[in-house]
């Protein structure tokens, strides 16, 4: 059980970074295609022709939201069941990933363009 939980903690702590990589690669592709930084409704992200990439960004966002819930459940299980141990690096990486994800949602000017 501890090998599975350690493996799961390891995977979960890197998922926020994977989402940010996918999201910013979409923005980079848009900048390269249109030759400038996109602004609200100019052009619409749906008109760029990156439908598969855009859907991957949407799905990875959903996965990240579920990841936070699963991580919290595993953290509670590790707290109450003394057999499960969370390595400090996994806990720190996940906390940093959560903070980066939330800051990206709140402060990123591309969200207005991407989510319109």
C-alpha atoms as a PDB file:
ATOM      1  CA  UNK A   1       0.000   0.000   0.000  1.00  0.00           C
ATOM      2  CA  UNK A   2       2.797   2.425   0.785  1.00  0.00           C
ATOM      3  CA  UNK A   3       4.440   1.892  -2.610  1.00  0.00           C
ATOM      4  CA  UNK A   4       1.170   2.668  -4.361  1.00  0.00           C
ATOM      5  CA  UNK A   5       0.518   5.745  -2.242  1.00  0.00           C
ATOM      6  CA  UNK A   6       4.060   7.061  -2.768  1.00  0.00           C
ATOM      7  CA  UNK A   7       3.712   6.480  -6.505  1.00  0.00           C
ATOM      8  CA  UNK A   8       0.341   8.254  -6.486  1.00  0.00           C
ATOM      9  CA  UNK A   9       1.694  11.207  -4.491  1.00  0.00           C
ATOM     10  CA  UNK A  10       4.561  11.506  -6.954  1.00  0.00           C
ATOM     11  CA  UNK A  11       2.235  11.586  -9.962  1.00  0.00           C
ATOM     12  CA  UNK A  12      -0.201  14.008  -8.323  1.00  0.00           C
ATOM     13  CA  UNK A  13       2.462  16.517  -7.363  1.00  0.00           C
ATOM     14  CA  UNK A  14       3.566  16.963 -10.990  1.00  0.00           C
ATOM     15  CA  UNK A  15       0.125  17.295 -12.600  1.00  0.00           C
ATOM     16  CA  UNK A  16      -0.286  21.057 -11.925  1.00  0.00           C
ATOM     17  CA  UNK A  17       2.994  21.673 -13.717  1.00  0.00           C
ATOM     18  CA  UNK A  18       1.823  19.542 -16.629  1.00  0.00           C
ATOM     19  CA  UNK A  19      -1.338  21.635 -16.914  1.00  0.00           C
ATOM     20  CA  UNK A  20       0.643  24.895 -16.887  1.00  0.00           C
ATOM     21  CA  UNK A  21       2.958  23.532 -19.572  1.00  0.00           C
ATOM     22  CA  UNK A  22       0.041  22.506 -21.799  1.00  0.00           C
ATOM     23  CA  UNK A  23      -1.746  25.829 -21.261  1.00  0.00           C
ATOM     24  CA  UNK A  24       1.264  28.019 -21.996  1.00  0.00           C
ATOM     25  CA  UNK A  25       2.234  25.923 -25.007  1.00  0.00           C
ATOM     26  CA  UNK A  26      -1.229  26.712 -26.425  1.00  0.00           C
ATOM     27  CA  UNK A  27      -0.641  30.412 -25.859  1.00  0.00           C
ATOM     28  CA  UNK A  28       2.803  30.167 -27.450  1.00  0.00           C
ATOM     29  CA  UNK A  29       1.332  28.408 -30.503  1.00  0.00           C
ATOM     30  CA  UNK A  30      -1.272  31.180 -30.789  1.00  0.00           C
ATOM     31  CA  UNK A  31       1.399  33.885 -30.580  1.00  0.00           C
ATOM     32  CA  UNK A  32       3.470  32.152 -33.259  1.00  0.00           C
ATOM     33  CA  UNK A  33       0.465  31.655 -35.549  1.00  0.00           C
ATOM     34  CA  UNK A  34      -0.944  35.191 -35.386  1.00  0.00           C
ATOM     35  CA  UNK A  35       2.400  36.945 -34.950  1.00  0.00           C
ATOM     36  CA  UNK A  36       1.401  38.964 -31.898  1.00  0.00           C
ATOM     37  CA  UNK A  37       0.043  38.560 -28.385  1.00  0.00           C
ATOM     38  CA  UNK A  38      -3.661  37.685 -28.529  1.00  0.00           C
ATOM     39  CA  UNK A  39      -6.200  39.945 -26.859  1.00  0.00           C
ATOM     40  CA  UNK A  40      -9.834  39.502 -25.885  1.00  0.00           C
ATOM     41  CA  UNK A  41     -11.868  38.219 -28.849  1.00  0.00           C
ATOM     42  CA  UNK A  42      -9.050  39.083 -31.256  1.00  0.00           C
ATOM     43  CA  UNK A  43      -8.781  36.333 -32.482  1.00  0.00           C
ATOM     44  CA  UNK A  44     -11.162  33.968 -30.799  1.00  0.00           C
ATOM     45  CA  UNK A  45      -9.234  30.884 -29.576  1.00  0.00           C
ATOM     46  CA  UNK A  46     -11.752  28.653 -31.341  1.00  0.00           C
ATOM     47  CA  UNK A  47     -10.809  30.201 -34.708  1.00  0.00           C
ATOM     48  CA  UNK A  48      -7.112  29.303 -34.497  1.00  0.00           C
ATOM     49  CA  UNK A  49      -7.637  25.697 -35.569  1.00  0.00           C
ATOM     50  CA  UNK A  50      -5.980  24.129 -32.537  1.00  0.00           C
ATOM     51  CA  UNK A  51      -9.100  22.195 -31.528  1.00  0.00           C
ATOM     52  CA  UNK A  52      -7.294  19.128 -30.189  1.00  0.00           C
ATOM     53  CA  UNK A  53      -4.827  21.220 -28.196  1.00  0.00           C
ATOM     54  CA  UNK A  54      -7.630  23.416 -26.811  1.00  0.00           C
ATOM     55  CA  UNK A  55      -9.583  20.314 -25.732  1.00  0.00           C
ATOM     56  CA  UNK A  56      -6.482  18.929 -24.025  1.00  0.00           C
ATOM     57  CA  UNK A  57      -6.162  22.198 -22.080  1.00  0.00           C
ATOM     58  CA  UNK A  58      -9.819  21.950 -21.020  1.00  0.00           C
ATOM     59  CA  UNK A  59      -9.510  18.295 -19.967  1.00  0.00           C
ATOM     60  CA  UNK A  60      -6.260  18.872 -18.105  1.00  0.00           C
ATOM     61  CA  UNK A  61      -7.919  21.704 -16.164  1.00  0.00           C
ATOM     62  CA  UNK A  62     -10.635  19.272 -15.049  1.00  0.00           C
ATOM     63  CA  UNK A  63      -8.015  16.720 -14.069  1.00  0.00           C
ATOM     64  CA  UNK A  64      -6.166  19.304 -11.966  1.00  0.00           C
ATOM     65  CA  UNK A  65      -9.310  20.162 -10.023  1.00  0.00           C
ATOM     66  CA  UNK A  66      -9.849  16.477  -9.250  1.00  0.00           C
ATOM     67  CA  UNK A  67      -6.173  16.093  -8.429  1.00  0.00           C
ATOM     68  CA  UNK A  68      -6.435  18.613  -5.607  1.00  0.00           C
ATOM     69  CA  UNK A  69      -9.321  16.667  -4.085  1.00  0.00           C
ATOM     70  CA  UNK A  70      -7.537  13.318  -4.360  1.00  0.00           C
ATOM     71  CA  UNK A  71      -4.361  14.804  -2.914  1.00  0.00           C
ATOM     72  CA  UNK A  72      -6.271  16.168   0.075  1.00  0.00           C
ATOM     73  CA  UNK A  73      -7.934  12.789   0.645  1.00  0.00           C
ATOM     74  CA  UNK A  74      -4.597  11.002   0.480  1.00  0.00           C
ATOM     75  CA  UNK A  75      -3.086  13.569   2.799  1.00  0.00           C
ATOM     76  CA  UNK A  76      -5.869  13.001   5.323  1.00  0.00           C
ATOM     77  CA  UNK A  77      -5.423   9.245   4.995  1.00  0.00           C
ATOM     78  CA  UNK A  78      -1.692   9.638   5.587  1.00  0.00           C
ATOM     79  CA  UNK A  79      -2.389  11.752   8.651  1.00  0.00           C
ATOM     80  CA  UNK A  80      -4.834   9.317  10.249  1.00  0.00           C
ATOM     81  CA  UNK A  81      -3.162   6.099   9.100  1.00  0.00           C
ATOM     82  CA  UNK A  82       0.368   6.225  10.377  1.00  0.00           C
ATOM     83  CA  UNK A  83       1.475   3.627   7.802  1.00  0.00           C
ATOM     84  CA  UNK A  84       1.226   6.086   4.930  1.00  0.00           C
ATOM     85  CA  UNK A  85       3.996   8.609   4.719  1.00  0.00           C
ATOM     86  CA  UNK A  86       4.182  11.628   2.504  1.00  0.00           C
ATOM     87  CA  UNK A  87       7.652  12.680   1.489  1.00  0.00           C
ATOM     88  CA  UNK A  88       8.278  16.341   2.191  1.00  0.00           C
ATOM     89  CA  UNK A  89       9.338  16.994  -1.382  1.00  0.00           C
ATOM     90  CA  UNK A  90       5.995  15.715  -2.699  1.00  0.00           C
ATOM     91  CA  UNK A  91       4.074  17.830  -0.237  1.00  0.00           C
ATOM     92  CA  UNK A  92       6.103  20.928  -1.070  1.00  0.00           C
ATOM     93  CA  UNK A  93       5.863  20.396  -4.820  1.00  0.00           C
ATOM     94  CA  UNK A  94       2.108  19.982  -4.611  1.00  0.00           C
ATOM     95  CA  UNK A  95       1.724  23.101  -2.455  1.00  0.00           C
ATOM     96  CA  UNK A  96       3.837  25.125  -4.879  1.00  0.00           C
ATOM     97  CA  UNK A  97       1.823  23.698  -7.788  1.00  0.00           C
ATOM     98  CA  UNK A  98      -1.459  24.659  -6.133  1.00  0.00           C
ATOM     99  CA  UNK A  99      -0.206  28.202  -5.465  1.00  0.00           C
ATOM    100  CA  UNK A 100       1.035  28.577  -9.053  1.00  0.00           C
ATOM    101  CA  UNK A 101      -2.247  27.231 -10.417  1.00  0.00           C
ATOM    102  CA  UNK A 102      -4.338  29.639  -8.319  1.00  0.00           C
ATOM    103  CA  UNK A 103      -2.097  32.610  -9.134  1.00  0.00           C
ATOM    104  CA  UNK A 104      -2.339  31.704 -12.807  1.00  0.00           C
ATOM    105  CA  UNK A 105      -6.140  31.639 -12.610  1.00  0.00           C
ATOM    106  CA  UNK A 106      -6.338  34.970 -10.801  1.00  0.00           C
ATOM    107  CA  UNK A 107      -3.551  37.017 -12.375  1.00  0.00           C
ATOM    108  CA  UNK A 108      -3.022  35.689 -15.883  1.00  0.00           C
ATOM    109  CA  UNK A 109      -4.119  38.208 -18.549  1.00  0.00           C
ATOM    110  CA  UNK A 110      -4.433  35.407 -21.136  1.00  0.00           C
ATOM    111  CA  UNK A 111      -7.336  33.828 -19.242  1.00  0.00           C
ATOM    112  CA  UNK A 112      -9.669  36.578 -20.438  1.00  0.00           C
ATOM    113  CA  UNK A 113      -8.697  35.750 -24.007  1.00  0.00           C
ATOM    114  CA  UNK A 114      -8.683  31.976 -23.645  1.00  0.00           C
ATOM    115  CA  UNK A 115     -11.941  31.643 -21.733  1.00  0.00           C
ATOM    116  CA  UNK A 116     -14.061  34.056 -23.802  1.00  0.00           C
END
